[in-house]
Structures are given as C-alpha cells and as structure tokens.
Amino acid sequence: MSCLVCETDAHGQHFGIRCCRACAAFFRRTLTMNLRYKCRFDRKCEVSFNKRYSCRCCRYEKCVRVGMRKDSELFF
C-alpha cells in the first residue's frame, strides 16, 4: 500500500487516511503549530516521494484533498 499524499510506502491509518509517518508528522506539526504556508508556483507543485519537501503549501493542500482530518486522531 502506498501513501495517498506522497506515494511512498504507507505505515497505516493516520488522520483518517492511509499514509506514511512523514506525511502524518507533517500534518500533525502543521495543525499543532497552526502553521500557514504560501506557494511560490501558483499552487501547482507536484507532491510525490522525491518532491514532497519542495512545497509545504501544496503538500498540506494535498493532505486535506485526499481526506486527512484533524478530528480523526488524537494528536496532542
């Protein structure tokens, strides 16, 4: 099974979807620290295993788009 966000190997269900630990940690960190990101490339960045760190804005938007929800898991 692969991560619905970055397409690498998934490690289980996190925040309501199948994803890897790195994407789960990224999503958790974004929520707990109340971070806001800006895309420099018109929100059209590729989010994949090789490019998941290049644009945090597009990565977060993909997390939400594929169904990650903050109420799905206790993250504190």
PDB file of N, CA and C in Angstrom:
ATOM      1  N   MET A   1       0.834  -1.187   0.000  1.00  0.00           N
ATOM      2  CA  MET A   1       0.000   0.000   0.000  1.00  0.00           C
ATOM      3  C   MET A   1       0.878   1.250   0.000  1.00  0.00           C
ATOM      4  N   SER A   2       0.390   2.268  -0.647  1.00  0.00           N
ATOM      5  CA  SER A   2       1.183   3.492  -0.710  1.00  0.00           C
ATOM      6  C   SER A   2       0.463   4.657  -0.035  1.00  0.00           C
ATOM      7  N   CYS A   3       1.266   5.624   0.363  1.00  0.00           N
ATOM      8  CA  CYS A   3       0.769   6.848   0.995  1.00  0.00           C
ATOM      9  C   CYS A   3      -0.057   7.631  -0.027  1.00  0.00           C
ATOM     10  N   LEU A   4      -1.228   8.065   0.374  1.00  0.00           N
ATOM     11  CA  LEU A   4      -2.084   8.820  -0.536  1.00  0.00           C
ATOM     12  C   LEU A   4      -1.553  10.228  -0.799  1.00  0.00           C
ATOM     13  N   VAL A   5      -0.627  10.684   0.012  1.00  0.00           N
ATOM     14  CA  VAL A   5      -0.074  12.035  -0.164  1.00  0.00           C
ATOM     15  C   VAL A   5       1.176  12.006  -1.035  1.00  0.00           C
ATOM     16  N   CYS A   6       2.202  11.269  -0.605  1.00  0.00           N
ATOM     17  CA  CYS A   6       3.485  11.313  -1.322  1.00  0.00           C
ATOM     18  C   CYS A   6       3.801  10.042  -2.111  1.00  0.00           C
ATOM     19  N   GLU A   7       2.930   9.047  -2.036  1.00  0.00           N
ATOM     20  CA  GLU A   7       3.041   7.820  -2.827  1.00  0.00           C
ATOM     21  C   GLU A   7       4.188   6.894  -2.430  1.00  0.00           C
ATOM     22  N   THR A   8       4.769   7.084  -1.264  1.00  0.00           N
ATOM     23  CA  THR A   8       5.768   6.152  -0.759  1.00  0.00           C
ATOM     24  C   THR A   8       5.037   5.058   0.022  1.00  0.00           C
ATOM     25  N   ASP A   9       5.746   4.159   0.669  1.00  0.00           N
ATOM     26  CA  ASP A   9       5.104   3.096   1.442  1.00  0.00           C
ATOM     27  C   ASP A   9       4.328   3.676   2.614  1.00  0.00           C
ATOM     28  N   ALA A  10       3.081   3.262   2.754  1.00  0.00           N
ATOM     29  CA  ALA A  10       2.249   3.714   3.863  1.00  0.00           C
ATOM     30  C   ALA A  10       2.546   2.877   5.096  1.00  0.00           C
ATOM     31  N   HIS A  11       2.357   3.460   6.259  1.00  0.00           N
ATOM     32  CA  HIS A  11       2.598   2.774   7.528  1.00  0.00           C
ATOM     33  C   HIS A  11       1.326   2.644   8.351  1.00  0.00           C
ATOM     34  N   GLY A  12       0.176   2.752   7.720  1.00  0.00           N
ATOM     35  CA  GLY A  12      -1.077   2.596   8.442  1.00  0.00           C
ATOM     36  C   GLY A  12      -2.004   3.781   8.253  1.00  0.00           C
ATOM     37  N   GLN A  13      -3.038   3.810   9.083  1.00  0.00           N
ATOM     38  CA  GLN A  13      -4.035   4.874   9.038  1.00  0.00           C
ATOM     39  C   GLN A  13      -3.610   6.009   9.963  1.00  0.00           C
ATOM     40  N   HIS A  14      -3.573   7.187   9.428  1.00  0.00           N
ATOM     41  CA  HIS A  14      -3.266   8.388  10.213  1.00  0.00           C
ATOM     42  C   HIS A  14      -4.220   9.485   9.770  1.00  0.00           C
ATOM     43  N   PHE A  15      -4.897  10.105  10.710  1.00  0.00           N
ATOM     44  CA  PHE A  15      -5.815  11.210  10.429  1.00  0.00           C
ATOM     45  C   PHE A  15      -6.883  10.826   9.410  1.00  0.00           C
ATOM     46  N   GLY A  16      -7.258   9.559   9.407  1.00  0.00           N
ATOM     47  CA  GLY A  16      -8.358   9.103   8.570  1.00  0.00           C
ATOM     48  C   GLY A  16      -7.986   8.540   7.214  1.00  0.00           C
ATOM     49  N   ILE A  17      -6.714   8.572   6.859  1.00  0.00           N
ATOM     50  CA  ILE A  17      -6.306   8.026   5.556  1.00  0.00           C
ATOM     51  C   ILE A  17      -5.074   7.139   5.712  1.00  0.00           C
ATOM     52  N   ARG A  18      -4.784   6.394   4.681  1.00  0.00           N
ATOM     53  CA  ARG A  18      -3.580   5.567   4.633  1.00  0.00           C
ATOM     54  C   ARG A  18      -2.420   6.463   4.197  1.00  0.00           C
ATOM     55  N   CYS A  19      -1.408   6.600   5.063  1.00  0.00           N
ATOM     56  CA  CYS A  19      -0.269   7.448   4.707  1.00  0.00           C
ATOM     57  C   CYS A  19       0.991   7.015   5.446  1.00  0.00           C
ATOM     58  N   CYS A  20       2.103   7.608   5.062  1.00  0.00           N
ATOM     59  CA  CYS A  20       3.388   7.307   5.701  1.00  0.00           C
ATOM     60  C   CYS A  20       3.537   8.135   6.982  1.00  0.00           C
ATOM     61  N   ARG A  21       4.516   7.778   7.771  1.00  0.00           N
ATOM     62  CA  ARG A  21       4.751   8.501   9.032  1.00  0.00           C
ATOM     63  C   ARG A  21       5.204   9.942   8.791  1.00  0.00           C
ATOM     64  N   ALA A  22       5.969  10.158   7.717  1.00  0.00           N
ATOM     65  CA  ALA A  22       6.458  11.507   7.431  1.00  0.00           C
ATOM     66  C   ALA A  22       5.304  12.460   7.115  1.00  0.00           C
ATOM     67  N   CYS A  23       4.360  12.017   6.323  1.00  0.00           N
ATOM     68  CA  CYS A  23       3.219  12.876   5.995  1.00  0.00           C
ATOM     69  C   CYS A  23       2.310  13.066   7.205  1.00  0.00           C
ATOM     70  N   ALA A  24       2.155  12.026   8.026  1.00  0.00           N
ATOM     71  CA  ALA A  24       1.362  12.159   9.250  1.00  0.00           C
ATOM     72  C   ALA A  24       2.013  13.168  10.196  1.00  0.00           C
ATOM     73  N   ALA A  25       3.331  13.098  10.333  1.00  0.00           N
ATOM     74  CA  ALA A  25       4.043  14.034  11.204  1.00  0.00           C
ATOM     75  C   ALA A  25       3.960  15.461  10.663  1.00  0.00           C
ATOM     76  N   PHE A  26       4.072  15.611   9.351  1.00  0.00           N
ATOM     77  CA  PHE A  26       3.952  16.926   8.719  1.00  0.00           C
ATOM     78  C   PHE A  26       2.572  17.522   8.996  1.00  0.00           C
ATOM     79  N   PHE A  27       1.527  16.717   8.806  1.00  0.00           N
ATOM     80  CA  PHE A  27       0.156  17.184   9.035  1.00  0.00           C
ATOM     81  C   PHE A  27      -0.055  17.537  10.501  1.00  0.00           C
ATOM     82  N   ARG A  28       0.415  16.685  11.398  1.00  0.00           N
ATOM     83  CA  ARG A  28       0.291  16.927  12.847  1.00  0.00           C
ATOM     84  C   ARG A  28       1.004  18.225  13.244  1.00  0.00           C
ATOM     85  N   ARG A  29       2.219  18.404  12.758  1.00  0.00           N
ATOM     86  CA  ARG A  29       3.009  19.599  13.063  1.00  0.00           C
ATOM     87  C   ARG A  29       2.311  20.862  12.544  1.00  0.00           C
ATOM     88  N   THR A  30       1.764  20.789  11.352  1.00  0.00           N
ATOM     89  CA  THR A  30       1.059  21.931  10.775  1.00  0.00           C
ATOM     90  C   THR A  30      -0.127  22.324  11.645  1.00  0.00           C
ATOM     91  N   LEU A  31      -0.859  21.328  12.123  1.00  0.00           N
ATOM     92  CA  LEU A  31      -2.030  21.615  12.954  1.00  0.00           C
ATOM     93  C   LEU A  31      -1.651  22.127  14.340  1.00  0.00           C
ATOM     94  N   THR A  32      -0.725  21.444  14.997  1.00  0.00           N
ATOM     95  CA  THR A  32      -0.401  21.818  16.372  1.00  0.00           C
ATOM     96  C   THR A  32       0.289  23.172  16.468  1.00  0.00           C
ATOM     97  N   MET A  33       1.058  23.508  15.443  1.00  0.00           N
ATOM     98  CA  MET A  33       1.763  24.789  15.458  1.00  0.00           C
ATOM     99  C   MET A  33       0.991  25.885  14.724  1.00  0.00           C
ATOM    100  N   ASN A  34      -0.198  25.512  14.204  1.00  0.00           N
ATOM    101  CA  ASN A  34      -1.047  26.453  13.480  1.00  0.00           C
ATOM    102  C   ASN A  34      -0.276  27.172  12.369  1.00  0.00           C
ATOM    103  N   LEU A  35       0.438  26.392  11.559  1.00  0.00           N
ATOM    104  CA  LEU A  35       1.274  26.951  10.504  1.00  0.00           C
ATOM    105  C   LEU A  35       0.467  27.281   9.259  1.00  0.00           C
ATOM    106  N   ARG A  36       0.865  28.311   8.570  1.00  0.00           N
ATOM    107  CA  ARG A  36       0.262  28.721   7.296  1.00  0.00           C
ATOM    108  C   ARG A  36       1.384  28.800   6.270  1.00  0.00           C
ATOM    109  N   TYR A  37       1.148  28.218   5.108  1.00  0.00           N
ATOM    110  CA  TYR A  37       2.171  28.165   4.074  1.00  0.00           C
ATOM    111  C   TYR A  37       1.737  28.951   2.845  1.00  0.00           C
ATOM    112  N   LYS A  38       2.722  29.378   2.067  1.00  0.00           N
ATOM    113  CA  LYS A  38       2.467  30.056   0.797  1.00  0.00           C
ATOM    114  C   LYS A  38       3.213  29.315  -0.305  1.00  0.00           C
ATOM    115  N   CYS A  39       2.552  29.167  -1.438  1.00  0.00           N
ATOM    116  CA  CYS A  39       3.166  28.527  -2.596  1.00  0.00           C
ATOM    117  C   CYS A  39       3.744  29.607  -3.500  1.00  0.00           C
ATOM    118  N   ARG A  40       4.942  29.356  -3.981  1.00  0.00           N
ATOM    119  CA  ARG A  40       5.588  30.307  -4.890  1.00  0.00           C
ATOM    120  C   ARG A  40       5.253  30.023  -6.348  1.00  0.00           C
ATOM    121  N   PHE A  41       4.555  28.926  -6.625  1.00  0.00           N
ATOM    122  CA  PHE A  41       4.342  28.485  -8.006  1.00  0.00           C
ATOM    123  C   PHE A  41       2.873  28.252  -8.336  1.00  0.00           C
ATOM    124  N   ASP A  42       1.998  29.122  -7.862  1.00  0.00           N
ATOM    125  CA  ASP A  42       0.589  29.099  -8.245  1.00  0.00           C
ATOM    126  C   ASP A  42      -0.161  27.841  -7.815  1.00  0.00           C
ATOM    127  N   ARG A  43       0.305  27.201  -6.749  1.00  0.00           N
ATOM    128  CA  ARG A  43      -0.335  26.008  -6.185  1.00  0.00           C
ATOM    129  C   ARG A  43      -0.484  24.869  -7.191  1.00  0.00           C
ATOM    130  N   LYS A  44       0.547  24.679  -7.987  1.00  0.00           N
ATOM    131  CA  LYS A  44       0.545  23.605  -8.986  1.00  0.00           C
ATOM    132  C   LYS A  44       1.768  22.710  -8.831  1.00  0.00           C
ATOM    133  N   CYS A  45       2.316  22.637  -7.639  1.00  0.00           N
ATOM    134  CA  CYS A  45       3.522  21.850  -7.397  1.00  0.00           C
ATOM    135  C   CYS A  45       3.199  20.359  -7.315  1.00  0.00           C
ATOM    136  N   GLU A  46       4.126  19.559  -7.789  1.00  0.00           N
ATOM    137  CA  GLU A  46       3.987  18.110  -7.700  1.00  0.00           C
ATOM    138  C   GLU A  46       4.322  17.670  -6.280  1.00  0.00           C
ATOM    139  N   VAL A  47       3.495  16.818  -5.724  1.00  0.00           N
ATOM    140  CA  VAL A  47       3.755  16.259  -4.401  1.00  0.00           C
ATOM    141  C   VAL A  47       3.928  14.757  -4.586  1.00  0.00           C
ATOM    142  N   SER A  48       5.164  14.302  -4.490  1.00  0.00           N
ATOM    143  CA  SER A  48       5.481  12.884  -4.631  1.00  0.00           C
ATOM    144  C   SER A  48       6.641  12.575  -3.695  1.00  0.00           C
ATOM    145  N   PHE A  49       7.082  11.337  -3.676  1.00  0.00           N
ATOM    146  CA  PHE A  49       8.165  10.943  -2.778  1.00  0.00           C
ATOM    147  C   PHE A  49       9.406  11.803  -2.973  1.00  0.00           C
ATOM    148  N   ASN A  50       9.791  12.043  -4.211  1.00  0.00           N
ATOM    149  CA  ASN A  50      11.007  12.819  -4.494  1.00  0.00           C
ATOM    150  C   ASN A  50      10.827  14.311  -4.273  1.00  0.00           C
ATOM    151  N   LYS A  51       9.599  14.792  -4.304  1.00  0.00           N
ATOM    152  CA  LYS A  51       9.375  16.236  -4.216  1.00  0.00           C
ATOM    153  C   LYS A  51       8.454  16.639  -3.076  1.00  0.00           C
ATOM    154  N   ARG A  52       8.277  15.778  -2.091  1.00  0.00           N
ATOM    155  CA  ARG A  52       7.330  16.102  -1.025  1.00  0.00           C
ATOM    156  C   ARG A  52       7.795  17.241  -0.142  1.00  0.00           C
ATOM    157  N   TYR A  53       9.080  17.533  -0.120  1.00  0.00           N
ATOM    158  CA  TYR A  53       9.604  18.611   0.727  1.00  0.00           C
ATOM    159  C   TYR A  53       9.744  19.942  -0.005  1.00  0.00           C
ATOM    160  N   SER A  54       9.465  19.968  -1.304  1.00  0.00           N
ATOM    161  CA  SER A  54       9.716  21.185  -2.065  1.00  0.00           C
ATOM    162  C   SER A  54       8.686  22.289  -1.813  1.00  0.00           C
ATOM    163  N   CYS A  55       7.428  21.942  -1.591  1.00  0.00           N
ATOM    164  CA  CYS A  55       6.412  22.968  -1.340  1.00  0.00           C
ATOM    165  C   CYS A  55       5.482  22.503  -0.231  1.00  0.00           C
ATOM    166  N   ARG A  56       5.614  23.109   0.930  1.00  0.00           N
ATOM    167  CA  ARG A  56       4.781  22.722   2.070  1.00  0.00           C
ATOM    168  C   ARG A  56       3.318  23.093   1.864  1.00  0.00           C
ATOM    169  N   CYS A  57       3.070  24.186   1.174  1.00  0.00           N
ATOM    170  CA  CYS A  57       1.702  24.614   0.915  1.00  0.00           C
ATOM    171  C   CYS A  57       0.960  23.556   0.097  1.00  0.00           C
ATOM    172  N   CYS A  58       1.556  23.135  -1.003  1.00  0.00           N
ATOM    173  CA  CYS A  58       0.913  22.138  -1.862  1.00  0.00           C
ATOM    174  C   CYS A  58       0.829  20.782  -1.175  1.00  0.00           C
ATOM    175  N   ARG A  59       1.810  20.453  -0.353  1.00  0.00           N
ATOM    176  CA  ARG A  59       1.762  19.194   0.396  1.00  0.00           C
ATOM    177  C   ARG A  59       0.605  19.214   1.395  1.00  0.00           C
ATOM    178  N   TYR A  60       0.447  20.304   2.115  1.00  0.00           N
ATOM    179  CA  TYR A  60      -0.655  20.406   3.071  1.00  0.00           C
ATOM    180  C   TYR A  60      -2.000  20.357   2.340  1.00  0.00           C
ATOM    181  N   GLU A  61      -2.121  21.072   1.244  1.00  0.00           N
ATOM    182  CA  GLU A  61      -3.367  21.058   0.484  1.00  0.00           C
ATOM    183  C   GLU A  61      -3.694  19.660  -0.025  1.00  0.00           C
ATOM    184  N   LYS A  62      -2.663  18.911  -0.427  1.00  0.00           N
ATOM    185  CA  LYS A  62      -2.913  17.540  -0.871  1.00  0.00           C
ATOM    186  C   LYS A  62      -3.355  16.669   0.296  1.00  0.00           C
ATOM    187  N   CYS A  63      -2.784  16.874   1.463  1.00  0.00           N
ATOM    188  CA  CYS A  63      -3.223  16.136   2.654  1.00  0.00           C
ATOM    189  C   CYS A  63      -4.716  16.325   2.860  1.00  0.00           C
ATOM    190  N   VAL A  64      -5.176  17.552   2.799  1.00  0.00           N
ATOM    191  CA  VAL A  64      -6.585  17.863   3.005  1.00  0.00           C
ATOM    192  C   VAL A  64      -7.421  17.298   1.852  1.00  0.00           C
ATOM    193  N   ARG A  65      -6.940  17.442   0.633  1.00  0.00           N
ATOM    194  CA  ARG A  65      -7.670  16.980  -0.548  1.00  0.00           C
ATOM    195  C   ARG A  65      -7.896  15.463  -0.541  1.00  0.00           C
ATOM    196  N   VAL A  66      -6.909  14.695  -0.078  1.00  0.00           N
ATOM    197  CA  VAL A  66      -7.061  13.238  -0.063  1.00  0.00           C
ATOM    198  C   VAL A  66      -7.831  12.749   1.172  1.00  0.00           C
ATOM    199  N   GLY A  67      -8.183  13.651   2.077  1.00  0.00           N
ATOM    200  CA  GLY A  67      -9.074  13.284   3.166  1.00  0.00           C
ATOM    201  C   GLY A  67      -8.510  13.313   4.573  1.00  0.00           C
ATOM    202  N   MET A  68      -7.326  13.857   4.795  1.00  0.00           N
ATOM    203  CA  MET A  68      -6.816  13.948   6.168  1.00  0.00           C
ATOM    204  C   MET A  68      -7.693  14.911   6.955  1.00  0.00           C
ATOM    205  N   ARG A  69      -8.049  14.479   8.168  1.00  0.00           N
ATOM    206  CA  ARG A  69      -8.895  15.302   9.024  1.00  0.00           C
ATOM    207  C   ARG A  69      -8.282  15.372  10.411  1.00  0.00           C
ATOM    208  N   LYS A  70      -8.289  16.559  10.992  1.00  0.00           N
ATOM    209  CA  LYS A  70      -7.678  16.717  12.312  1.00  0.00           C
ATOM    210  C   LYS A  70      -8.466  16.027  13.404  1.00  0.00           C
ATOM    211  N   ASP A  71      -9.736  15.793  13.193  1.00  0.00           N
ATOM    212  CA  ASP A  71     -10.553  15.153  14.217  1.00  0.00           C
ATOM    213  C   ASP A  71     -10.483  13.624  14.159  1.00  0.00           C
ATOM    214  N   SER A  72      -9.697  13.069  13.247  1.00  0.00           N
ATOM    215  CA  SER A  72      -9.614  11.620  13.082  1.00  0.00           C
ATOM    216  C   SER A  72      -8.702  10.942  14.060  1.00  0.00           C
ATOM    217  N   GLU A  73      -7.820  11.680  14.672  1.00  0.00           N
ATOM    218  CA  GLU A  73      -6.836  11.067  15.567  1.00  0.00           C
ATOM    219  C   GLU A  73      -6.437  12.067  16.634  1.00  0.00           C
ATOM    220  N   LEU A  74      -6.273  11.605  17.833  1.00  0.00           N
ATOM    221  CA  LEU A  74      -5.787  12.464  18.895  1.00  0.00           C
ATOM    222  C   LEU A  74      -4.306  12.733  18.632  1.00  0.00           C
ATOM    223  N   PHE A  75      -3.928  13.983  18.499  1.00  0.00           N
ATOM    224  CA  PHE A  75      -2.548  14.272  18.133  1.00  0.00           C
ATOM    225  C   PHE A  75      -1.803  15.098  19.158  1.00  0.00           C
ATOM    226  N   PHE A  76      -2.325  15.244  20.351  1.00  0.00           N
ATOM    227  CA  PHE A  76      -1.622  16.005  21.385  1.00  0.00           C
ATOM    228  C   PHE A  76      -0.888  15.069  22.310  1.00  0.00           C
TER     229      PHE A  76
END
